[in-house]
Amino acid sequence: MKLSSLVSVISLTEILMVGQQLYSQNFLVMETMTAVAFITSLSSRCSIFC
C-alpha cells in the first residue's frame, strides 16, 4: 500500500471531523460540506500531480 493512500484517508477523516464541528456550530451544512469537498479535491489532485 502506498503511503500517500494512507495519508489521504487520514486527512479525509480529519477534514470531515472539522467540517462536522463547524456546521454543528453555525448550521451551514451545505456551505461547510462544499468547502470540505473543495479542500479534499485540491489535496487529492496535488497528491496525483505533485
C-alpha atoms as a PDB file:
ATOM      1  CA  MET A   1       0.000   0.000   0.000  1.00  0.00           C
ATOM      2  CA  LYS A   2       1.269   3.434  -0.860  1.00  0.00           C
ATOM      3  CA  LEU A   3       1.896   5.834   1.982  1.00  0.00           C
ATOM      4  CA  SER A   4       0.060   8.596   0.128  1.00  0.00           C
ATOM      5  CA  SER A   5      -3.131   6.488   0.159  1.00  0.00           C
ATOM      6  CA  LEU A   6      -2.932   6.070   3.910  1.00  0.00           C
ATOM      7  CA  VAL A   7      -2.276   9.767   4.443  1.00  0.00           C
ATOM      8  CA  SER A   8      -5.211  10.742   2.228  1.00  0.00           C
ATOM      9  CA  VAL A   9      -7.585   8.521   4.226  1.00  0.00           C
ATOM     10  CA  ILE A  10      -6.386  10.028   7.499  1.00  0.00           C
ATOM     11  CA  SER A  11      -6.619  13.577   6.188  1.00  0.00           C
ATOM     12  CA  LEU A  12     -10.114  12.962   4.780  1.00  0.00           C
ATOM     13  CA  THR A  13     -11.278  11.720   8.174  1.00  0.00           C
ATOM     14  CA  GLU A  14      -9.822  14.763   9.901  1.00  0.00           C
ATOM     15  CA  ILE A  15     -11.251  17.201   7.345  1.00  0.00           C
ATOM     16  CA  LEU A  16     -14.722  15.659   7.710  1.00  0.00           C
ATOM     17  CA  MET A  17     -14.473  15.814  11.504  1.00  0.00           C
ATOM     18  CA  VAL A  18     -13.565  19.511  11.415  1.00  0.00           C
ATOM     19  CA  GLY A  19     -16.374  20.130   8.915  1.00  0.00           C
ATOM     20  CA  GLN A  20     -18.852  18.422  11.214  1.00  0.00           C
ATOM     21  CA  GLN A  21     -17.704  20.557  14.134  1.00  0.00           C
ATOM     22  CA  LEU A  22     -18.087  23.709  12.047  1.00  0.00           C
ATOM     23  CA  TYR A  23     -21.589  23.015  10.784  1.00  0.00           C
ATOM     24  CA  SER A  24     -22.766  21.961  14.220  1.00  0.00           C
ATOM     25  CA  GLN A  25     -21.794  25.448  15.410  1.00  0.00           C
ATOM     26  CA  ASN A  26     -23.104  27.552  12.523  1.00  0.00           C
ATOM     27  CA  PHE A  27     -25.762  25.240  10.943  1.00  0.00           C
ATOM     28  CA  LEU A  28     -24.443  25.963   7.418  1.00  0.00           C
ATOM     29  CA  VAL A  29     -24.229  22.332   6.326  1.00  0.00           C
ATOM     30  CA  MET A  30     -24.133  22.767   2.536  1.00  0.00           C
ATOM     31  CA  GLU A  31     -21.580  25.576   2.622  1.00  0.00           C
ATOM     32  CA  THR A  32     -19.325  23.667   5.008  1.00  0.00           C
ATOM     33  CA  MET A  33     -19.526  20.410   3.061  1.00  0.00           C
ATOM     34  CA  THR A  34     -18.847  22.283  -0.192  1.00  0.00           C
ATOM     35  CA  ALA A  35     -15.688  23.718   1.351  1.00  0.00           C
ATOM     36  CA  VAL A  36     -14.699  20.256   2.617  1.00  0.00           C
ATOM     37  CA  ALA A  37     -15.246  18.779  -0.858  1.00  0.00           C
ATOM     38  CA  PHE A  38     -13.161  21.550  -2.417  1.00  0.00           C
ATOM     39  CA  ILE A  39     -10.291  21.040   0.035  1.00  0.00           C
ATOM     40  CA  THR A  40     -10.417  17.280  -0.464  1.00  0.00           C
ATOM     41  CA  SER A  41     -10.413  17.690  -4.242  1.00  0.00           C
ATOM     42  CA  LEU A  42      -7.414  20.004  -4.106  1.00  0.00           C
ATOM     43  CA  SER A  43      -5.465  17.699  -1.837  1.00  0.00           C
ATOM     44  CA  SER A  44      -6.158  14.640  -3.999  1.00  0.00           C
ATOM     45  CA  ARG A  45      -5.165  16.471  -7.176  1.00  0.00           C
ATOM     46  CA  CYS A  46      -1.982  17.685  -5.537  1.00  0.00           C
ATOM     47  CA  SER A  47      -1.061  14.163  -4.460  1.00  0.00           C
ATOM     48  CA  ILE A  48      -1.534  12.943  -8.047  1.00  0.00           C
ATOM     49  CA  PHE A  49       0.380  15.695  -9.827  1.00  0.00           C
ATOM     50  CA  CYS A  50       2.985  16.689  -7.238  1.00  0.00           C
END
